[in-house]
Amino acid sequence: SRTRLPTLMLARAVLASLAVAPTASSPASSPRAALASPDPRRVPGSRPRLGARLGTVVLAIDRVSTLRVRRAASGAARRGASAMSAAAASASAPESPLFLGLDFGTSGARCVAVDARGDAVAETSAKYPPIVDGGKGGDGIPRGGWAEAWRGALWSLLDDLPVNVRERVVSVAVDGTSGTALVVNGDDGTVVYPPMLYNEKRDDAVDAIAGVAPEGHTTRSASSALCKLHSWWFETEGGKKASANAAVPPGESVPVANPKLLHHADWVAYLLHGVVGVTDHNNALKLGFDPGLGNGENERTGAYPDWILRQPYAAMLPMTCLAPGTVAGACVTTEAKKRFPNAERVRVVAGTTDSVAAFAAARCSDCGDCVTSLGSSLALKLVSETRVDDAAAGVYSHRLCGKWLVGGASNLGGWLLRSHFDDDELVKLTAELRDDAAKKTILSERDYFPGVLMGFGLSVEEATKRLCSDRPESDAEFLRAILSSVARVEARSYDTLVSMGASHAPKRVFTAGGGARNDFWSSLRSEAMGGVFVAKSPFTEAAYGTALLARMGHYGYDTYVPSPEEEDA
């Protein structure tokens, strides 16, 4: 039998420009057919459910489109035909364990709690303090500095959870921005140098790293964590003196005898488990950790390559590098114990980067599964049995649950729309295009970015100039041309990942970000990829994906995706 998932409405505001009914695109013989509902055989095998629990925060992480999901009749009878009935059943078991995912982004942090079946039951969020300085990386610096902003957000997230949620928590995992790094005192975790953000470049280290790192290695980027570590080491003579860098505020760089490098997520997790030097495979990738190196047949162990261990700052590396979803330690710090009534049983589980967490939130892990993030920029990841890395092309691979997430990014995304249309215009023009879809080919003949792939190949100025040089008279056709052009960049990029060595071509693409709400764009993207199934991801919060990793670690599972059997149990 088949049961229908109810539509849950997001309590937060949705931008009107993208608030069109989310539908999926699948192989079709006509443009109109491309707008049909998802094929239930091709959506994730486990039913996504979000709802309210008695005595907890009412939660709707995102607007979830109605999906038809194949379920066993007996399972449906036991749990009821809707997510809400499942929620009520769960509420009747107040002692059942909960798992927390903490997502620390660029403007704020979010916490999501899931139960044993992977249902989200509670959510909290925290904003960072106001920006008071322009900063080195371009994002500005909040009042008190980034480290204190993260510390304050962590305790705020946990304090805002109801007590009856916190007392059921048994594991917690953290994700953070990839490439963001801190130098701390290895003896007590004190931050001794301002955090170096994900987009901060250390050009002074590029030549030195290029001289030791293999061709195409991800550490050869000026924004890599390894370049930041190399630059700090020589800027402070290995911590013997304070930095003389004019961009570093006075007093925020101090000499340190036992310096250690931690990533964004590592330091937040440290505030819970109190052990300096613990990280995960995904965050450590841009530091040079190789998850493909291992002992014997177990590639998941990973290791730092010898060329990194020969560097003068090798002792600063976080040497306990764990696969995401494995237990890292216990919640033993004084502040952590204040938040968890049963802190002695709460385990901290190795987390990941924010982008990998967003992938995990889609609850897909089969080879050929893809997640495209369509926000102001375009980012994509493809599950592969083989690894692909090429820093020059902007391609690198994360290790997750025994497979590789091969991915890259482009700066050609939603900002192109914002440059030419306001919210009301986008809604109106998209409706016109949808109504016209049955009359002619959906994709525009115009391609503003022929041959452009991942790797930020065009500047904002260059991309804007191309759009303005060949604008059709019809605004609707102009919108179609922009959407089609970005769709072709996505399609070419996935094709390129396969040609570079990814084991599988895209079989289904789940979409996160604001662009996921535009069903017409999904149809264009499906057509550009030859009819590949394209749908909005039912879960888009990185914190939800991280919560699934916390659940995975508690039970010792080998995947973050809840199975129907686990849900039935």
Protein backbone atom coordinates (compact mmCIF):
# COMPACT_ATOMS: atom_id res chain seq x y z
CA SER A 1 0.00 0.00 0.00
CA ARG A 2 0.98 3.63 -0.28
CA THR A 3 0.55 6.31 2.32
CA ARG A 4 0.72 10.02 1.71
CA LEU A 5 2.99 12.30 3.70
CA PRO A 6 1.11 15.42 4.82
CA THR A 7 2.32 18.84 3.85
CA LEU A 8 4.01 20.61 6.75
CA MET A 9 4.32 24.37 6.70
CA LEU A 10 7.43 26.26 7.72
CA ALA A 11 6.89 28.74 10.53
CA ARG A 12 9.60 31.01 9.14
CA ALA A 13 8.98 33.32 6.19
CA VAL A 14 9.64 31.98 2.68
CA LEU A 15 10.85 34.36 -0.01
CA ALA A 16 7.95 34.94 -2.35
CA SER A 17 10.23 34.80 -5.37
CA LEU A 18 10.86 31.12 -4.82
CA ALA A 19 7.65 30.13 -3.06
CA VAL A 20 6.22 28.07 -5.89
CA ALA A 21 4.76 24.63 -5.34
CA PRO A 22 7.70 22.20 -5.10
CA THR A 23 7.35 19.25 -7.42
CA ALA A 24 9.82 16.77 -8.81
CA SER A 25 11.03 16.25 -12.33
CA SER A 26 11.53 12.79 -13.75
CA PRO A 27 12.14 11.30 -17.22
CA ALA A 28 9.32 12.41 -19.46
CA SER A 29 8.35 12.43 -23.09
CA SER A 30 6.92 15.94 -22.96
CA PRO A 31 7.61 19.17 -21.11
CA ARG A 32 4.31 18.93 -19.30
CA ALA A 33 5.07 15.41 -18.12
CA ALA A 34 8.32 16.67 -16.66
CA LEU A 35 6.29 18.51 -14.04
CA ALA A 36 4.67 15.33 -12.74
CA SER A 37 4.85 14.08 -9.14
CA PRO A 38 7.90 12.05 -8.08
CA ASP A 39 8.13 8.40 -8.97
CA PRO A 40 7.78 6.65 -5.56
CA ARG A 41 10.33 4.06 -6.64
CA ARG A 42 12.99 6.77 -6.84
CA VAL A 43 12.56 8.75 -3.66
CA PRO A 44 14.58 7.87 -0.53
CA GLY A 45 13.54 4.51 0.83
CA SER A 46 12.69 5.74 4.33
CA ARG A 47 9.75 8.05 4.92
CA PRO A 48 10.73 11.58 5.96
CA ARG A 49 8.65 12.77 8.86
CA LEU A 50 8.65 16.10 10.66
CA GLY A 51 6.10 17.02 13.23
CA ALA A 52 5.27 18.06 16.76
CA ARG A 53 5.86 16.10 19.93
CA LEU A 54 3.88 16.65 23.11
CA GLY A 55 5.97 18.65 25.56
CA THR A 56 8.58 19.72 23.01
CA VAL A 57 9.07 22.54 20.55
CA VAL A 58 6.68 22.39 17.60
CA LEU A 59 8.89 21.87 14.59
CA ALA A 60 8.66 22.22 10.86
CA ILE A 61 12.19 22.42 9.49
CA ASP A 62 11.10 23.12 5.96
CA ARG A 63 8.11 23.03 3.71
CA VAL A 64 7.85 19.39 2.68
CA SER A 65 6.11 18.59 -0.54
CA THR A 66 3.66 15.71 -0.68
CA LEU A 67 5.61 12.60 -1.57
CA ARG A 68 4.13 9.22 -2.36
CA VAL A 69 6.15 6.62 -0.53
CA ARG A 70 5.86 2.87 -0.82
CA ARG A 71 5.26 1.38 2.64
CA ALA A 72 4.20 -2.03 3.93
CA ALA A 73 0.56 -2.23 4.95
CA SER A 74 1.40 -3.66 8.35
CA GLY A 75 3.87 -0.86 9.05
CA ALA A 76 1.32 1.77 8.08
CA ALA A 77 -1.28 0.16 10.31
CA ARG A 78 1.03 0.13 13.31
CA ARG A 79 2.17 3.72 12.95
CA GLY A 80 -0.84 5.32 11.30
CA ALA A 81 -1.00 6.86 7.87
CA SER A 82 0.54 10.21 8.66
CA ALA A 83 3.56 11.83 10.17
CA MET A 84 1.40 13.35 12.88
CA SER A 85 0.20 9.95 14.10
CA ALA A 86 3.82 8.81 14.20
CA ALA A 87 4.62 11.91 16.23
CA ALA A 88 1.92 11.14 18.75
CA ALA A 89 3.14 7.56 19.12
CA SER A 90 6.66 8.79 19.79
CA ALA A 91 5.40 11.29 22.35
CA SER A 92 3.96 8.40 24.38
CA ALA A 93 7.50 7.13 25.03
CA PRO A 94 9.12 10.03 26.94
CA GLU A 95 12.18 7.97 27.89
CA SER A 96 13.17 7.17 24.30
CA PRO A 97 16.64 8.55 23.38
CA LEU A 98 17.21 11.73 21.39
CA PHE A 99 20.19 12.80 19.28
CA LEU A 100 21.33 16.37 18.69
CA GLY A 101 22.82 17.91 15.57
CA LEU A 102 24.47 21.33 15.92
CA ASP A 103 25.11 23.36 12.77
CA PHE A 104 27.38 26.41 13.02
CA GLY A 105 27.10 28.57 9.93
CA THR A 106 28.34 32.01 8.93
CA SER A 107 25.51 34.07 10.46
CA GLY A 108 24.11 31.86 13.19
CA ALA A 109 23.76 28.37 14.60
CA ARG A 110 20.96 25.82 14.67
CA CYS A 111 20.16 22.72 16.70
CA VAL A 112 17.88 19.85 15.67
CA ALA A 113 16.96 16.87 17.85
CA VAL A 114 15.89 13.58 16.25
CA ASP A 115 14.52 10.43 17.82
CA ALA A 116 15.45 6.80 17.28
CA ARG A 117 13.60 6.63 13.95
CA GLY A 118 15.20 9.79 12.57
CA ASP A 119 12.12 11.96 13.17
CA ALA A 120 12.93 15.57 14.01
CA VAL A 121 11.30 16.50 17.32
CA ALA A 122 12.76 19.85 18.38
CA GLU A 123 14.70 22.78 16.98
CA THR A 124 16.43 25.85 18.37
CA SER A 125 18.46 28.59 16.71
CA ALA A 126 20.87 31.32 17.79
CA LYS A 127 22.16 34.44 16.09
CA TYR A 128 25.71 35.66 16.46
CA PRO A 129 26.33 39.13 17.96
CA PRO A 130 26.21 42.13 15.60
CA ILE A 131 29.11 42.66 13.21
CA VAL A 132 31.37 45.43 14.47
CA ASP A 133 34.43 45.09 12.23
CA GLY A 134 35.03 44.36 8.55
CA GLY A 135 37.47 41.56 9.31
CA LYS A 136 40.06 39.83 7.15
CA GLY A 137 37.78 37.38 5.35
CA GLY A 138 35.04 39.71 4.20
CA ASP A 139 32.28 38.42 6.46
CA GLY A 140 33.08 40.83 9.28
CA ILE A 141 33.77 40.08 12.93
CA PRO A 142 30.99 39.94 15.53
CA ARG A 143 31.23 41.78 18.81
CA GLY A 144 33.59 39.83 21.08
CA GLY A 145 35.14 37.89 18.21
CA TRP A 146 34.19 34.73 16.38
CA ALA A 147 35.26 32.25 19.06
CA GLU A 148 33.07 33.88 21.69
CA ALA A 149 30.21 34.12 19.18
CA TRP A 150 30.38 30.35 18.68
CA ARG A 151 30.70 29.67 22.40
CA GLY A 152 27.70 31.84 23.21
CA ALA A 153 25.62 30.31 20.43
CA LEU A 154 26.39 26.77 21.65
CA TRP A 155 25.13 27.39 25.17
CA SER A 156 22.15 29.36 23.87
CA LEU A 157 21.11 26.49 21.59
CA LEU A 158 21.20 24.01 24.42
CA ASP A 159 19.63 26.31 27.03
CA ASP A 160 16.66 26.93 24.74
CA LEU A 161 15.84 23.23 24.45
CA PRO A 162 13.09 22.12 26.85
CA VAL A 163 14.38 20.20 29.86
CA ASN A 164 12.38 17.11 28.88
CA VAL A 165 14.31 17.10 25.58
CA ARG A 166 17.74 17.63 27.11
CA GLU A 167 17.25 14.87 29.66
CA ARG A 168 16.65 12.38 26.82
CA VAL A 169 19.72 13.34 24.78
CA VAL A 170 22.30 10.54 24.49
CA SER A 171 24.57 11.84 21.71
CA VAL A 172 25.47 15.09 19.98
CA ALA A 173 27.46 15.96 16.83
CA VAL A 174 28.66 19.27 15.40
CA ASP A 175 29.21 20.59 11.88
CA GLY A 176 31.02 23.79 10.93
CA THR A 177 32.23 25.73 7.92
CA SER A 178 34.88 23.89 5.93
CA GLY A 179 38.35 25.43 6.09
CA THR A 180 37.69 27.60 9.14
CA ALA A 181 40.55 27.06 11.61
CA LEU A 182 41.66 28.18 15.08
CA VAL A 183 44.99 28.06 16.87
CA VAL A 184 44.56 27.16 20.53
CA ASN A 185 46.66 26.42 23.58
CA GLY A 186 46.93 22.65 23.64
CA ASP A 187 46.90 22.64 27.43
CA ASP A 188 43.54 24.29 27.98
CA GLY A 189 41.92 24.99 24.59
CA THR A 190 42.23 28.76 24.93
CA VAL A 191 42.12 30.55 21.57
CA VAL A 192 45.48 32.32 21.03
CA TYR A 193 44.91 33.77 17.55
CA PRO A 194 41.75 35.10 15.85
CA PRO A 195 39.87 32.35 13.99
CA MET A 196 40.76 32.17 10.30
CA LEU A 197 37.47 31.87 8.39
CA TYR A 198 36.67 29.53 5.52
CA ASN A 199 37.11 32.27 2.89
CA GLU A 200 40.25 33.86 4.30
CA LYS A 201 43.15 33.41 1.91
CA ARG A 202 46.79 33.03 2.92
CA ASP A 203 48.55 33.73 -0.37
CA ASP A 204 51.91 33.87 1.38
CA ALA A 205 51.73 30.09 1.97
CA VAL A 206 50.61 28.94 -1.49
CA ASP A 207 54.05 28.50 -3.06
CA ALA A 208 55.40 26.62 -0.05
CA ILE A 209 52.45 24.22 0.02
CA ALA A 210 52.60 23.76 -3.76
CA GLY A 211 56.21 22.72 -3.30
CA VAL A 212 55.29 19.74 -1.12
CA ALA A 213 51.66 18.84 -1.90
CA PRO A 214 50.83 16.63 -4.90
CA GLU A 215 49.47 18.23 -8.05
CA GLY A 216 45.74 18.91 -7.76
CA HIS A 217 45.72 18.51 -3.97
CA THR A 218 43.00 20.43 -2.12
CA THR A 219 45.55 21.98 0.27
CA ARG A 220 47.11 23.97 -2.59
CA SER A 221 44.24 26.48 -2.36
CA ALA A 222 45.10 29.71 -0.55
CA SER A 223 42.00 29.27 1.64
CA SER A 224 42.87 25.74 2.76
CA ALA A 225 43.39 25.04 6.44
CA LEU A 226 46.93 23.90 5.71
CA CYS A 227 47.84 27.23 4.10
CA LYS A 228 46.42 28.98 7.16
CA LEU A 229 48.47 26.78 9.49
CA HIS A 230 51.66 27.31 7.46
CA SER A 231 51.13 31.06 7.38
CA TRP A 232 50.47 31.29 11.13
CA TRP A 233 53.55 29.22 11.94
CA PHE A 234 55.95 31.52 10.14
CA GLU A 235 54.02 34.66 11.08
CA THR A 236 54.51 33.90 14.81
CA GLU A 237 57.72 31.82 14.62
CA GLY A 238 55.85 28.75 15.74
CA GLY A 239 54.01 30.61 18.47
CA LYS A 240 57.09 32.10 20.08
CA LYS A 241 55.90 35.65 19.48
CA ALA A 242 52.68 37.52 18.88
CA SER A 243 51.71 38.21 15.29
CA ALA A 244 52.79 41.52 13.80
CA ASN A 245 50.12 41.23 11.09
CA ALA A 246 48.31 44.56 10.91
CA ALA A 247 45.03 42.74 10.24
CA VAL A 248 45.20 41.02 13.64
CA PRO A 249 43.66 43.17 16.41
CA PRO A 250 46.09 44.06 19.22
CA GLY A 251 46.11 41.52 22.04
CA GLU A 252 44.35 38.77 20.10
CA SER A 253 47.56 37.00 19.08
CA VAL A 254 49.60 35.78 22.05
CA PRO A 255 52.69 33.59 22.34
CA VAL A 256 51.96 29.94 23.10
CA ALA A 257 54.25 27.06 24.06
CA ASN A 258 51.96 24.21 22.98
CA PRO A 259 49.98 25.41 19.97
CA LYS A 260 47.36 23.16 18.36
CA LEU A 261 45.14 23.68 15.33
CA LEU A 262 41.44 22.93 15.52
CA HIS A 263 38.72 23.36 12.94
CA HIS A 264 35.51 25.27 13.54
CA ALA A 265 33.49 22.16 14.44
CA ASP A 266 36.40 20.67 16.42
CA TRP A 267 36.54 23.62 18.81
CA VAL A 268 32.79 23.67 19.42
CA ALA A 269 32.89 19.92 20.12
CA TYR A 270 35.88 20.52 22.43
CA LEU A 271 33.66 22.76 24.57
CA LEU A 272 31.59 19.61 25.21
CA HIS A 273 34.16 16.80 25.53
CA GLY A 274 37.20 18.83 26.65
CA VAL A 275 39.84 17.00 24.60
CA VAL A 276 42.12 19.05 22.32
CA GLY A 277 43.23 17.36 19.10
CA VAL A 278 40.05 15.57 17.96
CA THR A 279 38.67 16.13 14.45
CA ASP A 280 36.86 14.27 11.68
CA HIS A 281 37.77 13.08 8.18
CA ASN A 282 35.77 15.76 6.38
CA ASN A 283 36.94 18.83 8.26
CA ALA A 284 40.54 17.61 8.14
CA LEU A 285 40.48 17.18 4.35
CA LYS A 286 41.66 20.75 3.67
CA LEU A 287 44.35 20.28 6.31
CA GLY A 288 45.79 17.45 4.22
CA PHE A 289 44.33 14.43 6.00
CA ASP A 290 43.84 11.59 3.53
CA PRO A 291 40.79 9.45 4.33
CA GLY A 292 41.88 7.02 1.61
CA LEU A 293 45.02 6.00 3.49
CA GLY A 294 44.50 3.19 5.95
CA ASN A 295 45.69 0.11 7.70
CA GLY A 296 45.02 -3.08 5.83
CA GLU A 297 41.62 -3.20 4.13
CA ASN A 298 39.97 -0.53 6.28
CA GLU A 299 40.23 2.72 4.29
CA ARG A 300 38.06 4.56 6.80
CA THR A 301 40.95 4.88 9.23
CA GLY A 302 42.77 7.45 7.06
CA ALA A 303 46.07 9.17 7.86
CA TYR A 304 48.13 12.29 7.28
CA PRO A 305 50.57 11.71 4.41
CA ASP A 306 54.29 11.73 5.14
CA TRP A 307 54.88 15.03 3.33
CA ILE A 308 52.70 16.79 5.92
CA LEU A 309 54.20 14.98 8.90
CA ARG A 310 57.64 16.25 7.85
CA GLN A 311 56.59 19.91 8.22
CA PRO A 312 57.79 21.86 11.28
CA TYR A 313 54.21 22.34 12.49
CA ALA A 314 53.24 18.65 12.33
CA ALA A 315 52.84 18.54 16.12
CA MET A 316 49.99 21.06 15.81
CA LEU A 317 47.82 18.70 13.76
CA PRO A 318 44.72 17.16 15.37
CA MET A 319 45.90 13.55 15.42
CA THR A 320 42.67 11.90 16.56
CA CYS A 321 40.90 12.00 13.22
CA LEU A 322 37.64 10.05 13.22
CA ALA A 323 35.16 9.01 10.57
CA PRO A 324 31.95 11.06 10.79
CA GLY A 325 29.37 9.26 12.87
CA THR A 326 31.81 7.58 15.29
CA VAL A 327 32.04 8.32 19.02
CA ALA A 328 34.67 10.94 19.91
CA GLY A 329 34.19 11.30 23.68
CA ALA A 330 31.82 12.06 26.52
CA CYS A 331 30.19 15.34 27.59
CA VAL A 332 32.38 16.00 30.62
CA THR A 333 33.06 19.75 30.67
CA THR A 334 31.55 21.80 33.46
CA GLU A 335 29.41 23.88 31.08
CA ALA A 336 28.18 20.78 29.22
CA LYS A 337 27.09 19.16 32.48
CA LYS A 338 24.99 22.22 33.27
CA ARG A 339 22.97 21.68 30.10
CA PHE A 340 22.45 17.92 30.16
CA PRO A 341 20.74 16.46 33.26
CA ASN A 342 22.18 13.05 32.34
CA ALA A 343 25.55 14.25 31.05
CA GLU A 344 27.33 11.07 32.15
CA ARG A 345 25.58 9.12 29.40
CA VAL A 346 25.82 11.75 26.61
CA ARG A 347 28.43 11.00 23.95
CA VAL A 348 29.98 13.45 21.52
CA VAL A 349 30.05 11.96 18.02
CA ALA A 350 32.45 13.03 15.27
CA GLY A 351 30.70 15.51 12.99
CA THR A 352 31.49 16.94 9.57
CA THR A 353 31.49 20.09 7.45
CA ASP A 354 28.34 22.10 6.84
CA SER A 355 28.10 21.06 3.20
CA VAL A 356 28.46 17.34 3.95
CA ALA A 357 25.89 17.68 6.73
CA ALA A 358 23.47 19.21 4.22
CA PHE A 359 24.09 16.20 1.99
CA ALA A 360 23.40 13.79 4.85
CA ALA A 361 20.15 15.65 5.54
CA ALA A 362 18.84 14.48 2.15
CA ARG A 363 18.95 10.91 3.51
CA CYS A 364 20.44 9.47 0.36
CA SER A 365 23.64 7.43 0.08
CA ASP A 366 23.43 5.25 -3.04
CA CYS A 367 26.00 5.63 -5.79
CA GLY A 368 24.57 8.05 -8.34
CA ASP A 369 22.65 10.01 -5.70
CA CYS A 370 23.32 13.74 -5.91
CA VAL A 371 22.57 16.85 -3.87
CA THR A 372 22.72 20.26 -5.51
CA SER A 373 22.64 23.38 -3.35
CA LEU A 374 21.03 26.22 -5.30
CA GLY A 375 21.48 29.37 -3.29
CA SER A 376 23.32 32.47 -4.36
CA SER A 377 25.91 30.05 -5.78
CA LEU A 378 25.78 26.50 -7.09
CA ALA A 379 27.34 23.57 -5.19
CA LEU A 380 26.98 19.91 -6.02
CA LYS A 381 27.95 16.50 -4.66
CA LEU A 382 27.70 13.04 -6.22
CA VAL A 383 28.02 9.68 -4.42
CA SER A 384 30.76 7.61 -6.06
CA GLU A 385 32.69 4.43 -5.38
CA THR A 386 35.79 6.14 -6.72
CA ARG A 387 37.59 9.27 -5.59
CA VAL A 388 38.17 12.36 -7.73
CA ASP A 389 40.41 15.26 -6.67
CA ASP A 390 41.63 18.17 -8.74
CA ALA A 391 42.15 21.48 -6.96
CA ALA A 392 42.72 23.28 -10.27
CA ALA A 393 39.24 22.26 -11.39
CA GLY A 394 37.70 22.94 -7.98
CA VAL A 395 36.89 19.25 -7.48
CA TYR A 396 37.53 17.25 -4.32
CA SER A 397 36.07 14.22 -2.54
CA HIS A 398 34.85 13.69 1.01
CA ARG A 399 34.76 10.22 2.55
CA LEU A 400 31.41 9.31 4.10
CA CYS A 401 30.23 5.87 5.18
CA GLY A 402 32.64 4.01 2.93
CA LYS A 403 31.87 5.99 -0.23
CA TRP A 404 33.07 9.23 -1.78
CA LEU A 405 31.14 12.46 -2.13
CA VAL A 406 32.67 13.97 -5.25
CA GLY A 407 31.82 17.62 -5.60
CA GLY A 408 32.55 21.14 -6.67
CA ALA A 409 30.99 24.58 -6.85
CA SER A 410 30.30 27.49 -9.18
CA ASN A 411 29.49 31.11 -8.42
CA LEU A 412 26.71 31.04 -11.03
CA GLY A 413 23.52 30.73 -9.03
CA GLY A 414 20.55 32.61 -7.62
CA TRP A 415 22.32 35.98 -7.51
CA LEU A 416 21.86 36.16 -11.29
CA LEU A 417 18.09 36.29 -10.77
CA ARG A 418 18.30 38.85 -8.00
CA SER A 419 20.30 41.13 -10.26
CA HIS A 420 17.41 41.48 -12.70
CA PHE A 421 14.10 40.61 -11.00
CA ASP A 422 12.37 41.32 -7.70
CA ASP A 423 10.24 38.80 -5.80
CA ASP A 424 6.92 39.64 -7.42
CA GLU A 425 8.40 39.58 -10.91
CA LEU A 426 9.94 36.15 -10.36
CA VAL A 427 6.63 34.70 -9.18
CA LYS A 428 4.71 36.20 -12.10
CA LEU A 429 7.24 35.27 -14.79
CA THR A 430 7.72 31.73 -13.47
CA ALA A 431 3.94 31.22 -13.63
CA GLU A 432 3.94 32.39 -17.25
CA LEU A 433 6.72 29.97 -18.13
CA ARG A 434 4.98 27.09 -16.39
CA ASP A 435 1.74 27.76 -18.27
CA ASP A 436 3.68 27.88 -21.53
CA ALA A 437 5.65 24.70 -20.85
CA ALA A 438 3.30 22.42 -22.79
CA LYS A 439 3.62 24.47 -25.98
CA LYS A 440 7.35 24.26 -26.64
CA THR A 441 10.69 22.97 -25.43
CA ILE A 442 11.27 24.03 -21.84
CA LEU A 443 14.99 24.79 -22.14
CA SER A 444 15.91 28.07 -23.76
CA GLU A 445 18.07 28.02 -26.88
CA ARG A 446 20.25 30.68 -25.28
CA ASP A 447 23.21 29.57 -23.19
CA TYR A 448 24.94 32.50 -21.56
CA PHE A 449 27.74 30.34 -20.16
CA PRO A 450 28.75 27.80 -22.82
CA GLY A 451 31.48 25.50 -21.60
CA VAL A 452 31.52 26.96 -18.09
CA LEU A 453 31.91 24.35 -15.35
CA MET A 454 32.69 24.32 -11.64
CA GLY A 455 35.59 26.20 -10.16
CA PHE A 456 34.30 29.81 -10.23
CA GLY A 457 35.37 30.29 -13.82
CA LEU A 458 33.57 33.64 -14.31
CA SER A 459 33.67 36.78 -12.22
CA VAL A 460 30.45 38.55 -11.25
CA GLU A 461 31.28 41.30 -13.74
CA GLU A 462 31.88 38.84 -16.59
CA ALA A 463 28.69 36.91 -15.92
CA THR A 464 26.63 40.09 -15.72
CA LYS A 465 28.08 41.37 -18.98
CA ARG A 466 27.09 38.17 -20.78
CA LEU A 467 23.50 38.45 -19.58
CA CYS A 468 23.17 42.06 -20.67
CA SER A 469 24.75 41.50 -24.08
CA ASP A 470 21.93 39.26 -25.35
CA ARG A 471 18.76 40.02 -23.44
CA PRO A 472 15.53 39.05 -25.22
CA GLU A 473 12.65 41.51 -25.32
CA SER A 474 10.42 39.23 -23.26
CA ASP A 475 11.20 39.24 -19.55
CA ALA A 476 9.80 35.71 -19.29
CA GLU A 477 12.16 34.48 -22.00
CA PHE A 478 15.05 36.27 -20.30
CA LEU A 479 14.25 34.44 -17.06
CA ARG A 480 14.00 31.15 -18.97
CA ALA A 481 17.41 31.81 -20.51
CA ILE A 482 19.05 32.50 -17.14
CA LEU A 483 17.50 29.43 -15.51
CA SER A 484 18.45 27.29 -18.51
CA SER A 485 22.03 28.56 -18.52
CA VAL A 486 22.58 27.69 -14.86
CA ALA A 487 20.89 24.31 -15.44
CA ARG A 488 23.39 23.58 -18.21
CA VAL A 489 26.32 24.53 -15.94
CA GLU A 490 25.01 22.01 -13.42
CA ALA A 491 24.53 19.31 -16.06
CA ARG A 492 28.00 19.85 -17.57
CA SER A 493 29.55 19.81 -14.12
CA TYR A 494 28.03 16.46 -13.23
CA ASP A 495 29.10 15.09 -16.63
CA THR A 496 32.61 16.36 -15.94
CA LEU A 497 32.75 14.62 -12.57
CA VAL A 498 31.97 11.35 -14.34
CA SER A 499 34.54 11.99 -17.07
CA MET A 500 37.12 12.74 -14.35
CA GLY A 501 36.53 9.33 -12.79
CA ALA A 502 33.38 9.30 -10.67
CA SER A 503 31.96 5.78 -10.76
CA HIS A 504 28.31 6.64 -11.45
CA ALA A 505 26.41 9.20 -13.47
CA PRO A 506 23.61 11.06 -11.64
CA LYS A 507 20.55 8.87 -11.06
CA ARG A 508 18.56 11.29 -8.93
CA VAL A 509 19.26 14.83 -7.78
CA PHE A 510 17.89 16.31 -4.58
CA THR A 511 18.01 20.08 -4.25
CA ALA A 512 18.63 22.32 -1.24
CA GLY A 513 18.69 26.10 -1.04
CA GLY A 514 16.24 28.73 -2.21
CA GLY A 515 16.26 27.50 -5.80
CA ALA A 516 14.79 24.19 -4.68
CA ARG A 517 11.41 25.89 -4.25
CA ASN A 518 11.11 26.69 -7.95
CA ASP A 519 9.53 23.68 -9.62
CA PHE A 520 9.96 25.11 -13.11
CA TRP A 521 13.71 25.40 -12.56
CA SER A 522 13.74 21.75 -11.43
CA SER A 523 12.09 20.81 -14.72
CA LEU A 524 14.70 22.72 -16.70
CA ARG A 525 17.49 21.07 -14.78
CA SER A 526 16.01 17.63 -15.34
CA GLU A 527 15.81 18.27 -19.08
CA ALA A 528 19.38 19.59 -19.16
CA MET A 529 20.55 16.35 -17.50
CA GLY A 530 18.70 14.16 -19.96
CA GLY A 531 15.64 13.43 -17.84
CA VAL A 532 17.35 12.63 -14.55
CA PHE A 533 14.97 12.70 -11.58
CA VAL A 534 15.17 16.11 -9.83
CA ALA A 535 13.29 17.02 -6.65
CA LYS A 536 13.45 19.32 -3.67
CA SER A 537 15.20 17.63 -0.77
CA PRO A 538 12.56 16.90 1.90
CA PHE A 539 15.14 17.92 4.51
CA THR A 540 17.48 20.84 3.90
CA GLU A 541 18.82 21.75 7.34
CA ALA A 542 22.48 20.81 7.88
CA ALA A 543 21.68 20.40 11.59
CA TYR A 544 19.28 17.60 10.70
CA GLY A 545 22.00 15.74 8.79
CA THR A 546 24.37 16.17 11.73
CA ALA A 547 21.71 14.83 14.09
CA LEU A 548 21.52 11.71 11.91
CA LEU A 549 25.30 11.31 12.38
CA ALA A 550 24.83 11.59 16.15
CA ARG A 551 22.19 8.87 15.94
CA MET A 552 24.49 6.74 13.78
CA GLY A 553 27.28 7.02 16.35
CA HIS A 554 25.07 6.07 19.28
CA TYR A 555 23.82 2.88 17.67
CA GLY A 556 27.08 2.03 15.90
CA TYR A 557 25.37 1.94 12.49
CA ASP A 558 27.39 2.07 9.29
CA THR A 559 25.09 4.64 7.65
CA TYR A 560 23.24 7.80 8.65
CA VAL A 561 20.16 6.87 6.59
CA PRO A 562 17.39 5.34 8.74
CA SER A 563 16.09 2.15 7.17
CA PRO A 564 12.42 1.08 7.12
CA GLU A 565 13.35 -1.84 9.38
CA GLU A 566 14.90 0.53 11.94
CA GLU A 567 11.84 2.76 11.80
CA ASP A 568 9.53 -0.22 12.35
CA ALA A 569 11.61 -1.35 15.34
